[in-house]
N, C-alpha and C. Protein backbone atom coordinates (compact mmCIF):
# COMPACT_ATOMS: atom_id res chain seq x y z
N MET A 1 -84.18 17.81 -15.91
CA MET A 1 -84.21 17.16 -17.45
C MET A 1 -82.98 16.03 -17.68
N LYS A 2 -84.09 15.15 -18.15
CA LYS A 2 -82.71 13.80 -18.74
C LYS A 2 -82.69 13.98 -19.93
N ALA A 3 -81.55 14.05 -20.97
CA ALA A 3 -81.37 13.60 -22.53
C ALA A 3 -80.26 12.41 -22.69
N LEU A 4 -80.91 12.45 -23.57
CA LEU A 4 -79.75 11.19 -24.50
C LEU A 4 -79.57 12.19 -26.10
N VAL A 5 -78.19 12.36 -26.29
CA VAL A 5 -77.52 12.87 -27.59
C VAL A 5 -76.93 11.71 -28.27
N ILE A 6 -77.49 11.60 -29.26
CA ILE A 6 -77.44 10.36 -30.24
C ILE A 6 -76.14 10.88 -31.48
N GLY A 7 -75.08 10.72 -31.19
CA GLY A 7 -74.19 11.48 -32.02
C GLY A 7 -73.15 12.66 -31.48
N ASP A 8 -73.34 11.96 -29.82
CA ASP A 8 -72.50 13.23 -29.23
C ASP A 8 -71.08 13.26 -29.60
N SER A 9 -70.61 12.70 -30.21
CA SER A 9 -69.20 12.71 -30.71
C SER A 9 -69.04 14.07 -31.67
N GLY A 10 -69.62 14.43 -32.54
CA GLY A 10 -69.15 14.99 -33.45
C GLY A 10 -69.82 16.64 -33.42
N GLY A 11 -69.95 17.24 -34.04
CA GLY A 11 -69.93 18.59 -34.04
C GLY A 11 -70.76 19.57 -33.24
N ILE A 12 -72.12 19.13 -33.99
CA ILE A 12 -73.25 19.04 -33.30
C ILE A 12 -73.53 18.94 -31.78
N GLY A 13 -73.92 17.24 -32.21
CA GLY A 13 -73.75 16.63 -31.02
C GLY A 13 -73.50 16.86 -30.01
N ALA A 14 -72.04 17.08 -30.06
CA ALA A 14 -71.01 18.06 -28.93
C ALA A 14 -71.55 19.12 -28.15
N ALA A 15 -71.81 19.78 -29.09
CA ALA A 15 -72.18 21.02 -28.76
C ALA A 15 -73.65 21.19 -28.08
N VAL A 16 -74.57 20.27 -28.26
CA VAL A 16 -75.91 20.55 -28.07
C VAL A 16 -75.73 19.55 -26.85
N ALA A 17 -75.41 18.50 -26.46
CA ALA A 17 -75.03 17.64 -24.63
C ALA A 17 -74.07 18.56 -24.08
N HIS A 18 -72.95 19.61 -24.86
CA HIS A 18 -72.33 20.74 -23.83
C HIS A 18 -73.40 21.64 -23.24
N ASP A 19 -74.40 22.19 -24.16
CA ASP A 19 -75.25 23.29 -23.77
C ASP A 19 -75.99 22.53 -22.72
N LEU A 20 -76.38 21.66 -23.06
CA LEU A 20 -77.75 20.82 -22.12
C LEU A 20 -76.94 21.08 -20.98
N ARG A 21 -76.14 19.98 -20.44
CA ARG A 21 -75.10 20.15 -19.42
C ARG A 21 -75.13 21.29 -18.92
N ARG A 22 -74.49 22.36 -19.42
CA ARG A 22 -74.72 24.30 -18.75
C ARG A 22 -75.65 24.28 -18.20
N ARG A 23 -76.83 23.91 -18.70
CA ARG A 23 -78.50 24.03 -18.50
C ARG A 23 -78.58 23.23 -17.40
N GLY A 24 -77.68 22.86 -16.72
CA GLY A 24 -78.32 21.42 -15.30
C GLY A 24 -78.98 20.24 -16.03
N ALA A 25 -78.89 19.80 -17.23
CA ALA A 25 -79.51 18.43 -17.55
C ALA A 25 -78.68 17.31 -17.23
N GLU A 26 -78.99 16.16 -17.18
CA GLU A 26 -78.20 15.12 -17.10
C GLU A 26 -78.01 14.64 -18.30
N VAL A 27 -77.06 14.44 -19.19
CA VAL A 27 -77.13 13.92 -20.34
C VAL A 27 -76.23 12.45 -20.29
N THR A 28 -76.84 11.64 -21.53
CA THR A 28 -76.25 10.86 -21.69
C THR A 28 -76.00 10.57 -23.26
N GLY A 29 -74.61 9.98 -23.82
CA GLY A 29 -74.30 10.33 -25.28
C GLY A 29 -74.03 8.72 -25.85
N LEU A 30 -74.36 8.65 -26.32
CA LEU A 30 -73.96 7.20 -27.44
C LEU A 30 -73.58 7.95 -29.02
N SER A 31 -72.72 7.24 -29.75
CA SER A 31 -72.03 7.64 -30.65
C SER A 31 -71.17 6.19 -31.11
N ARG A 32 -70.90 6.10 -32.55
CA ARG A 32 -70.16 4.73 -32.88
C ARG A 32 -69.29 4.69 -31.58
N ARG A 33 -68.69 5.18 -31.45
CA ARG A 33 -67.24 5.09 -30.38
C ARG A 33 -67.57 4.15 -29.13
N ASP A 34 -69.05 3.95 -29.40
CA ASP A 34 -70.05 3.09 -27.98
C ASP A 34 -70.49 2.08 -28.70
N GLY A 35 -70.54 1.96 -30.02
CA GLY A 35 -70.44 0.71 -30.66
C GLY A 35 -71.79 0.73 -31.33
N LEU A 36 -72.37 1.93 -31.15
CA LEU A 36 -73.63 2.23 -32.12
C LEU A 36 -73.66 2.50 -33.78
N ASP A 37 -74.17 1.49 -34.02
CA ASP A 37 -73.91 2.02 -35.62
C ASP A 37 -75.54 1.82 -36.18
N LEU A 38 -76.08 2.77 -36.29
CA LEU A 38 -77.34 3.22 -37.83
C LEU A 38 -78.14 2.40 -38.37
N THR A 39 -76.33 1.84 -39.20
CA THR A 39 -76.58 1.18 -40.01
C THR A 39 -76.85 -0.48 -39.97
N ASP A 40 -76.96 -0.87 -38.83
CA ASP A 40 -76.99 -2.64 -38.40
C ASP A 40 -78.05 -2.61 -37.49
N GLN A 41 -78.90 -2.77 -37.96
CA GLN A 41 -80.16 -2.84 -37.03
C GLN A 41 -80.29 -3.38 -35.85
N ALA A 42 -79.53 -4.89 -35.60
CA ALA A 42 -78.78 -5.16 -34.41
C ALA A 42 -78.26 -4.02 -33.44
N SER A 43 -77.27 -3.72 -33.69
CA SER A 43 -76.64 -3.08 -33.44
C SER A 43 -77.30 -1.77 -32.52
N VAL A 44 -78.73 -1.10 -32.98
CA VAL A 44 -79.29 -0.36 -32.77
C VAL A 44 -80.71 -0.73 -31.84
N ALA A 45 -81.02 -2.18 -32.09
CA ALA A 45 -82.10 -2.38 -31.38
C ALA A 45 -81.14 -3.13 -29.52
N LEU A 46 -79.76 -3.32 -30.24
CA LEU A 46 -78.58 -3.93 -28.66
C LEU A 46 -78.88 -2.86 -27.63
N THR A 47 -78.42 -1.94 -28.40
CA THR A 47 -77.71 -0.77 -27.75
C THR A 47 -78.96 0.07 -27.00
N ALA A 48 -80.29 0.17 -27.39
CA ALA A 48 -81.35 0.64 -26.78
C ALA A 48 -81.88 -0.45 -26.01
N ASP A 49 -82.10 -1.94 -26.06
CA ASP A 49 -82.34 -2.92 -24.85
C ASP A 49 -81.65 -2.34 -23.76
N ALA A 50 -80.37 -2.15 -24.02
CA ALA A 50 -79.46 -1.66 -22.94
C ALA A 50 -79.95 -0.73 -21.67
N MET A 51 -80.40 0.03 -22.41
CA MET A 51 -80.49 1.21 -21.79
C MET A 51 -82.50 1.17 -21.47
N SER A 52 -83.12 0.36 -21.03
CA SER A 52 -84.52 0.09 -21.24
C SER A 52 -84.73 0.53 -19.86
N ASP A 53 -83.96 0.34 -19.49
CA ASP A 53 -84.29 1.07 -17.74
C ASP A 53 -84.23 2.35 -17.46
N GLN A 54 -84.07 3.16 -18.82
CA GLN A 54 -84.08 4.45 -18.31
C GLN A 54 -85.11 5.43 -19.26
N ARG A 55 -85.28 6.65 -19.00
CA ARG A 55 -86.58 6.99 -19.75
C ARG A 55 -86.07 8.48 -19.77
N PHE A 56 -86.28 9.13 -21.05
CA PHE A 56 -85.18 10.35 -21.09
C PHE A 56 -86.59 11.37 -21.43
N ASP A 57 -86.10 12.77 -21.28
CA ASP A 57 -87.03 13.90 -21.73
C ASP A 57 -87.24 14.31 -23.10
N LEU A 58 -85.55 14.34 -23.06
CA LEU A 58 -85.53 14.70 -24.83
C LEU A 58 -84.51 13.04 -25.23
N ILE A 59 -84.95 13.31 -26.76
CA ILE A 59 -83.61 12.55 -27.37
C ILE A 59 -83.26 13.07 -28.79
N PHE A 60 -82.60 13.42 -28.75
CA PHE A 60 -81.91 14.69 -29.65
C PHE A 60 -81.09 13.73 -30.81
N ASN A 61 -81.11 13.49 -32.16
CA ASN A 61 -80.63 12.67 -32.59
C ASN A 61 -79.65 13.53 -33.63
N ALA A 62 -77.88 14.00 -33.45
CA ALA A 62 -77.43 14.61 -34.37
C ALA A 62 -76.05 13.62 -34.94
N THR A 63 -76.74 12.44 -35.58
CA THR A 63 -75.77 11.64 -36.58
C THR A 63 -76.33 12.08 -38.31
N GLY A 64 -75.61 11.70 -39.17
CA GLY A 64 -75.96 12.28 -40.29
C GLY A 64 -74.30 11.84 -40.92
N ALA A 65 -74.27 12.13 -42.19
CA ALA A 65 -73.01 12.28 -43.50
C ALA A 65 -73.43 12.45 -44.46
N LEU A 66 -72.77 13.71 -44.91
CA LEU A 66 -73.00 13.96 -46.05
C LEU A 66 -72.09 13.15 -47.20
N VAL A 67 -71.02 12.54 -46.93
CA VAL A 67 -69.90 11.77 -47.46
C VAL A 67 -70.17 10.46 -46.98
N ALA A 68 -70.70 9.63 -48.11
CA ALA A 68 -70.47 8.19 -47.45
C ALA A 68 -69.78 7.56 -48.39
N ASP A 69 -69.22 6.28 -47.88
CA ASP A 69 -68.40 5.06 -48.14
C ASP A 69 -67.55 6.27 -49.06
N GLY A 70 -66.59 7.49 -48.20
CA GLY A 70 -65.62 8.19 -48.98
C GLY A 70 -66.29 8.86 -50.43
N GLN A 71 -67.20 8.92 -50.83
CA GLN A 71 -67.85 9.22 -51.99
C GLN A 71 -68.37 11.04 -51.51
N GLN A 72 -67.73 11.49 -52.29
CA GLN A 72 -68.34 12.89 -51.95
C GLN A 72 -70.13 13.16 -53.00
N PRO A 73 -70.99 14.31 -52.32
CA PRO A 73 -71.78 14.05 -53.26
C PRO A 73 -71.94 14.54 -54.60
N GLU A 74 -72.73 13.56 -55.21
CA GLU A 74 -72.60 14.03 -56.65
C GLU A 74 -73.67 15.22 -56.83
N LYS A 75 -73.13 15.35 -58.34
CA LYS A 75 -73.19 17.10 -58.86
C LYS A 75 -73.75 16.36 -59.88
N THR A 76 -74.84 15.26 -60.37
CA THR A 76 -75.21 15.13 -61.50
C THR A 76 -75.81 14.25 -61.24
N ILE A 77 -76.90 13.58 -61.89
CA ILE A 77 -77.48 12.39 -62.19
C ILE A 77 -76.55 11.34 -62.64
N ARG A 78 -75.73 11.80 -63.22
CA ARG A 78 -74.86 10.47 -64.26
C ARG A 78 -73.96 10.36 -62.96
N SER A 79 -73.56 10.76 -62.12
CA SER A 79 -72.76 10.30 -61.39
C SER A 79 -73.29 9.05 -59.76
N ILE A 80 -74.54 8.76 -60.50
CA ILE A 80 -75.63 8.31 -59.17
C ILE A 80 -74.27 6.77 -59.29
N ASP A 81 -74.52 6.35 -58.12
CA ASP A 81 -73.87 4.98 -57.85
C ASP A 81 -74.44 4.48 -56.60
N ALA A 82 -75.35 3.28 -57.06
CA ALA A 82 -76.56 2.53 -56.45
C ALA A 82 -75.93 2.49 -55.12
N GLU A 83 -74.81 1.51 -54.70
CA GLU A 83 -74.06 1.82 -53.28
C GLU A 83 -73.95 2.89 -52.24
N VAL A 84 -73.55 3.99 -53.03
CA VAL A 84 -73.65 4.90 -52.83
C VAL A 84 -74.38 5.52 -52.11
N MET A 85 -75.69 5.54 -52.78
CA MET A 85 -77.02 5.82 -52.25
C MET A 85 -77.55 5.05 -51.36
N ALA A 86 -77.28 3.67 -51.46
CA ALA A 86 -77.60 2.98 -50.80
C ALA A 86 -77.06 3.21 -49.16
N ALA A 87 -75.93 3.73 -49.45
CA ALA A 87 -75.28 4.11 -48.29
C ALA A 87 -75.55 5.55 -47.03
N GLN A 88 -75.77 6.77 -48.22
CA GLN A 88 -76.78 7.41 -47.41
C GLN A 88 -78.41 7.30 -47.14
N PHE A 89 -78.57 6.69 -47.88
CA PHE A 89 -79.81 6.23 -47.32
C PHE A 89 -80.23 4.89 -45.65
N ALA A 90 -78.83 4.97 -45.67
CA ALA A 90 -78.94 3.55 -44.66
C ALA A 90 -79.16 4.10 -43.54
N LEU A 91 -77.72 5.40 -43.35
CA LEU A 91 -77.49 6.61 -42.39
C LEU A 91 -78.27 7.06 -42.07
N ASN A 92 -78.59 7.99 -42.88
CA ASN A 92 -79.82 9.51 -42.97
C ASN A 92 -81.00 9.20 -43.16
N ALA A 93 -81.62 7.85 -43.61
CA ALA A 93 -82.99 7.21 -43.63
C ALA A 93 -83.30 6.47 -42.73
N THR A 94 -82.72 5.45 -42.82
CA THR A 94 -83.10 3.92 -41.89
C THR A 94 -83.14 3.72 -41.08
N GLY A 95 -81.11 4.84 -40.56
CA GLY A 95 -80.93 4.53 -39.00
C GLY A 95 -81.65 5.79 -38.40
N VAL A 96 -82.72 6.81 -39.08
CA VAL A 96 -83.58 7.38 -38.34
C VAL A 96 -84.56 6.60 -38.04
N ALA A 97 -84.88 5.66 -39.17
CA ALA A 97 -85.76 4.90 -38.41
C ALA A 97 -85.98 4.09 -37.57
N LEU A 98 -84.70 3.87 -37.99
CA LEU A 98 -84.82 2.62 -36.58
C LEU A 98 -84.41 3.12 -34.94
N LEU A 99 -83.62 3.77 -34.93
CA LEU A 99 -83.61 5.24 -33.70
C LEU A 99 -85.18 5.33 -33.63
N LEU A 100 -86.03 5.89 -33.89
CA LEU A 100 -87.64 6.15 -33.86
C LEU A 100 -88.22 4.65 -33.19
N ARG A 101 -87.64 3.47 -33.67
CA ARG A 101 -88.46 2.48 -33.25
C ARG A 101 -87.88 1.94 -32.54
N TYR A 102 -86.97 1.98 -31.83
CA TYR A 102 -86.09 1.31 -30.72
C TYR A 102 -85.74 2.57 -29.45
N PHE A 103 -86.11 3.46 -29.97
CA PHE A 103 -85.47 4.54 -28.96
C PHE A 103 -86.63 5.65 -28.60
N SER A 104 -87.45 5.44 -29.13
CA SER A 104 -88.88 6.15 -28.96
C SER A 104 -89.55 5.75 -27.56
N PRO A 105 -89.55 4.31 -27.89
CA PRO A 105 -89.95 3.78 -26.11
C PRO A 105 -89.39 4.39 -24.72
N LEU A 106 -88.10 4.74 -24.77
CA LEU A 106 -87.41 5.48 -24.22
C LEU A 106 -87.67 6.77 -23.57
N LEU A 107 -88.95 6.90 -24.32
CA LEU A 107 -89.30 8.43 -23.79
C LEU A 107 -90.10 8.17 -22.57
N ARG A 108 -90.30 9.64 -21.87
CA ARG A 108 -90.77 9.38 -20.64
C ARG A 108 -92.31 9.42 -21.14
N GLU A 109 -92.90 8.69 -20.10
CA GLU A 109 -94.38 8.65 -20.28
C GLU A 109 -95.35 9.34 -19.51
N ASP A 110 -94.63 9.89 -18.48
CA ASP A 110 -95.54 11.18 -17.71
C ASP A 110 -95.90 12.03 -18.02
N THR A 111 -94.97 13.04 -18.67
CA THR A 111 -94.88 14.49 -19.15
C THR A 111 -94.54 14.33 -20.65
N ARG A 112 -94.69 16.01 -20.83
CA ARG A 112 -93.88 15.94 -22.41
C ARG A 112 -92.39 15.39 -22.69
N ALA A 113 -92.39 14.72 -23.78
CA ALA A 113 -90.70 14.41 -24.23
C ALA A 113 -90.65 14.54 -25.53
N VAL A 114 -89.97 14.76 -26.05
CA VAL A 114 -89.17 15.42 -27.73
C VAL A 114 -88.33 14.18 -27.85
N PHE A 115 -88.20 14.01 -29.11
CA PHE A 115 -87.23 12.93 -29.94
C PHE A 115 -87.41 13.78 -31.15
N ALA A 116 -85.78 14.58 -31.05
CA ALA A 116 -85.25 15.72 -32.40
C ALA A 116 -84.37 15.15 -33.07
N SER A 117 -84.40 14.99 -34.14
CA SER A 117 -83.66 14.56 -35.40
C SER A 117 -82.89 15.20 -36.17
N LEU A 118 -81.74 16.01 -36.23
CA LEU A 118 -81.06 16.64 -37.14
C LEU A 118 -81.79 16.49 -38.89
N SER A 119 -82.23 17.12 -39.59
CA SER A 119 -82.38 16.57 -41.21
C SER A 119 -81.87 18.31 -41.73
N ALA A 120 -81.89 18.38 -42.70
CA ALA A 120 -81.22 19.05 -43.61
C ALA A 120 -81.80 19.93 -44.35
N ARG A 121 -81.88 21.42 -44.62
CA ARG A 121 -83.03 21.92 -45.86
C ARG A 121 -82.91 21.33 -47.36
N VAL A 122 -82.05 20.91 -47.05
CA VAL A 122 -81.53 20.20 -48.93
C VAL A 122 -82.66 18.83 -48.80
N GLY A 123 -82.88 18.87 -47.91
CA GLY A 123 -84.06 17.04 -48.01
C GLY A 123 -85.57 17.77 -48.47
N SER A 124 -85.76 19.48 -48.48
CA SER A 124 -86.78 19.72 -48.99
C SER A 124 -86.71 19.85 -50.75
N ILE A 125 -88.05 19.30 -50.78
CA ILE A 125 -88.57 18.73 -52.64
C ILE A 125 -88.72 20.64 -53.21
N GLY A 126 -89.62 20.63 -52.55
CA GLY A 126 -90.06 21.99 -52.80
C GLY A 126 -89.02 23.28 -53.17
N ASP A 127 -88.09 23.24 -51.91
CA ASP A 127 -86.99 24.53 -52.01
C ASP A 127 -85.58 23.81 -52.52
N ASN A 128 -85.57 23.25 -54.04
CA ASN A 128 -84.34 22.71 -54.13
C ASN A 128 -84.63 23.13 -55.61
N ARG A 129 -83.42 24.49 -55.29
CA ARG A 129 -83.53 25.51 -56.99
C ARG A 129 -82.04 25.40 -57.01
N LEU A 130 -81.00 24.37 -56.64
CA LEU A 130 -79.65 23.75 -57.37
C LEU A 130 -79.47 22.60 -57.65
N GLY A 131 -80.37 21.81 -57.66
CA GLY A 131 -80.06 20.38 -58.69
C GLY A 131 -78.91 19.52 -57.45
N GLY A 132 -78.46 18.89 -57.99
CA GLY A 132 -76.96 17.98 -57.49
C GLY A 132 -77.53 17.17 -56.24
N TRP A 133 -76.34 16.67 -55.19
CA TRP A 133 -75.98 15.94 -53.71
C TRP A 133 -77.82 15.30 -53.79
N ILE A 134 -77.34 14.24 -54.97
CA ILE A 134 -79.40 13.78 -55.37
C ILE A 134 -79.10 12.25 -54.04
N SER A 135 -78.43 11.60 -53.86
CA SER A 135 -78.16 10.77 -52.25
C SER A 135 -78.39 11.36 -51.60
N TYR A 136 -77.86 12.27 -50.87
CA TYR A 136 -78.13 12.70 -49.69
C TYR A 136 -79.28 14.16 -49.52
N ARG A 137 -79.68 14.56 -51.06
CA ARG A 137 -80.93 15.18 -50.61
C ARG A 137 -82.40 13.94 -50.08
N ALA A 138 -82.00 12.87 -51.37
CA ALA A 138 -83.19 11.76 -51.60
C ALA A 138 -83.14 11.63 -49.53
N ALA A 139 -81.85 10.88 -49.22
CA ALA A 139 -81.82 10.44 -47.84
C ALA A 139 -82.72 11.87 -46.94
N LYS A 140 -82.37 12.47 -47.05
CA LYS A 140 -82.61 13.55 -46.11
C LYS A 140 -84.45 13.96 -46.13
N ALA A 141 -84.87 14.01 -47.77
CA ALA A 141 -86.43 14.05 -47.76
C ALA A 141 -87.28 12.79 -47.08
N ALA A 142 -86.23 11.61 -47.16
CA ALA A 142 -87.12 10.37 -46.69
C ALA A 142 -87.20 10.71 -45.23
N GLN A 143 -85.85 11.12 -44.59
CA GLN A 143 -86.04 11.36 -43.06
C GLN A 143 -86.85 12.18 -42.91
N ASN A 144 -87.46 13.30 -43.37
CA ASN A 144 -88.44 14.36 -42.90
C ASN A 144 -90.04 13.34 -43.00
N GLN A 145 -89.94 12.43 -44.12
CA GLN A 145 -91.08 11.71 -44.14
C GLN A 145 -91.13 10.58 -43.09
N ILE A 146 -90.45 9.98 -42.34
CA ILE A 146 -90.06 8.94 -41.25
C ILE A 146 -90.93 9.43 -40.60
N ILE A 147 -89.77 10.99 -40.04
CA ILE A 147 -90.05 11.65 -38.74
C ILE A 147 -91.44 12.23 -39.13
N ARG A 148 -92.50 12.53 -40.31
CA ARG A 148 -93.34 13.45 -40.26
C ARG A 148 -94.28 11.78 -40.09
N THR A 149 -94.51 10.72 -40.49
CA THR A 149 -94.83 9.93 -40.07
C THR A 149 -95.11 9.47 -39.04
N ALA A 150 -93.73 9.13 -38.24
CA ALA A 150 -93.95 8.75 -36.54
C ALA A 150 -94.68 9.30 -35.63
N SER A 151 -94.31 10.54 -35.86
CA SER A 151 -94.99 11.92 -34.93
C SER A 151 -96.55 11.16 -34.98
N ILE A 152 -97.16 11.21 -35.83
CA ILE A 152 -98.18 11.65 -35.92
C ILE A 152 -98.60 10.07 -35.30
N GLU A 153 -98.23 8.69 -35.59
CA GLU A 153 -98.49 7.54 -35.12
C GLU A 153 -98.13 7.79 -33.52
N ILE A 154 -96.67 8.33 -33.00
CA ILE A 154 -96.33 8.73 -32.07
C ILE A 154 -97.24 9.74 -30.81
N ALA A 155 -98.22 10.11 -31.77
CA ALA A 155 -98.70 11.16 -31.05
C ALA A 155 -100.36 10.36 -30.57
N GLN A 156 -100.63 9.60 -31.11
CA GLN A 156 -101.67 8.94 -30.92
C GLN A 156 -101.49 7.98 -29.87
N LYS A 157 -100.65 7.43 -29.69
CA LYS A 157 -100.37 6.72 -28.30
C LYS A 157 -99.89 7.97 -26.79
N GLN A 158 -99.54 8.81 -27.44
CA GLN A 158 -98.43 9.55 -26.48
C GLN A 158 -99.11 11.11 -26.68
N LYS A 159 -99.88 11.57 -26.43
CA LYS A 159 -100.75 12.74 -26.77
C LYS A 159 -99.37 13.96 -26.55
N GLN A 160 -98.68 13.87 -25.74
CA GLN A 160 -98.03 14.98 -24.62
C GLN A 160 -96.17 14.63 -25.86
N HIS A 161 -96.07 13.45 -25.89
CA HIS A 161 -94.70 13.38 -26.86
C HIS A 161 -94.74 14.11 -28.07
N ILE A 162 -93.34 14.98 -28.60
CA ILE A 162 -93.16 15.28 -29.87
C ILE A 162 -91.93 14.68 -30.64
N VAL A 163 -92.04 14.81 -32.02
CA VAL A 163 -90.86 14.26 -32.93
C VAL A 163 -91.09 14.92 -33.72
N VAL A 164 -89.37 15.49 -34.29
CA VAL A 164 -89.82 16.99 -34.74
C VAL A 164 -88.29 16.06 -35.84
N ALA A 165 -88.07 16.91 -36.75
CA ALA A 165 -86.76 17.20 -37.10
C ALA A 165 -86.33 18.62 -37.15
N LEU A 166 -85.31 18.74 -37.19
CA LEU A 166 -84.88 20.25 -37.37
C LEU A 166 -83.60 20.21 -38.33
N HIS A 167 -83.61 21.37 -38.51
CA HIS A 167 -82.73 22.31 -39.77
C HIS A 167 -81.94 22.91 -39.10
N PRO A 168 -80.87 22.69 -39.06
CA PRO A 168 -79.66 23.94 -38.33
C PRO A 168 -78.86 24.67 -38.79
N GLY A 169 -79.36 24.91 -40.15
CA GLY A 169 -79.01 25.84 -41.46
C GLY A 169 -77.11 25.21 -41.48
N THR A 170 -76.33 25.88 -42.14
CA THR A 170 -75.14 25.37 -42.22
C THR A 170 -74.15 25.92 -41.26
N VAL A 171 -73.47 24.71 -40.66
CA VAL A 171 -72.79 25.18 -39.68
C VAL A 171 -71.38 24.39 -39.26
N LYS A 172 -70.95 25.29 -38.86
CA LYS A 172 -69.51 25.21 -39.08
C LYS A 172 -68.47 23.91 -38.00
N THR A 173 -68.61 22.63 -39.11
CA THR A 173 -68.75 21.40 -38.17
C THR A 173 -67.68 20.51 -39.17
N THR A 174 -66.49 19.84 -38.88
CA THR A 174 -66.43 18.55 -39.44
C THR A 174 -67.34 18.46 -41.03
N LEU A 175 -68.57 17.63 -40.83
CA LEU A 175 -68.81 17.94 -41.95
C LEU A 175 -69.25 18.42 -43.07
N THR A 176 -69.23 20.44 -42.74
CA THR A 176 -69.44 21.17 -43.96
C THR A 176 -67.96 21.73 -44.32
N ARG A 177 -66.57 21.11 -43.58
CA ARG A 177 -65.87 22.53 -43.82
C ARG A 177 -65.27 22.23 -45.30
N ASP A 178 -65.89 21.68 -45.93
CA ASP A 178 -65.58 21.66 -47.59
C ASP A 178 -66.35 22.40 -48.70
N TYR A 179 -67.42 22.74 -47.47
CA TYR A 179 -68.48 23.66 -48.33
C TYR A 179 -68.86 24.71 -48.09
N ALA A 180 -68.95 25.21 -46.43
CA ALA A 180 -69.30 26.28 -45.56
C ALA A 180 -68.73 27.10 -46.39
N ALA A 181 -67.70 27.17 -47.25
CA ALA A 181 -67.11 28.68 -47.32
C ALA A 181 -67.85 29.22 -48.24
N ARG A 182 -68.78 28.59 -48.75
CA ARG A 182 -69.87 29.14 -50.23
C ARG A 182 -71.12 29.81 -49.39
N HIS A 183 -71.23 29.21 -48.16
CA HIS A 183 -72.14 29.66 -47.61
C HIS A 183 -72.22 30.49 -45.88
N PRO A 184 -72.72 30.76 -45.95
CA PRO A 184 -72.80 31.54 -44.38
C PRO A 184 -73.20 30.47 -43.28
N THR A 185 -71.98 30.70 -42.05
CA THR A 185 -72.27 29.63 -40.97
C THR A 185 -72.77 30.17 -39.77
């Protein structure tokens, strides 16, 4: 198995890459440290183009951010900031769409292949009972729709390909350190 883990420098991405290697997979990792900036279309396109001769059984996107531009998630609609909201969408929604555009062609064509992207339960419209975190929730909801729409399109061309959003639960990582005390990890 050949896997690409995008965001392998973060808590979940590093753990997924480690576990895949432990299981015998050949793993390539990418992150900001490699020059991949999901908020910059040219960066995503150039990075994918540099890998155009490779094919993967699994592309696992573990990127994302709860804090954008140093701004904590807003607790009320009165705290909405257009630039912070745009930054949330740029990484957590548009960035995923760009990954699908430029990296899904790197999925193997001759067998089942998976593009998986970490999302979050807080992106569920029907499961929002607490409010708050408006920008993050909205960006994750957008990501879920992007993943769903891409799964339909990609399956029309490659029936054996799977495109899926995954909710990992509250995981003890740097991303959740300020919030995990209130939730089981």
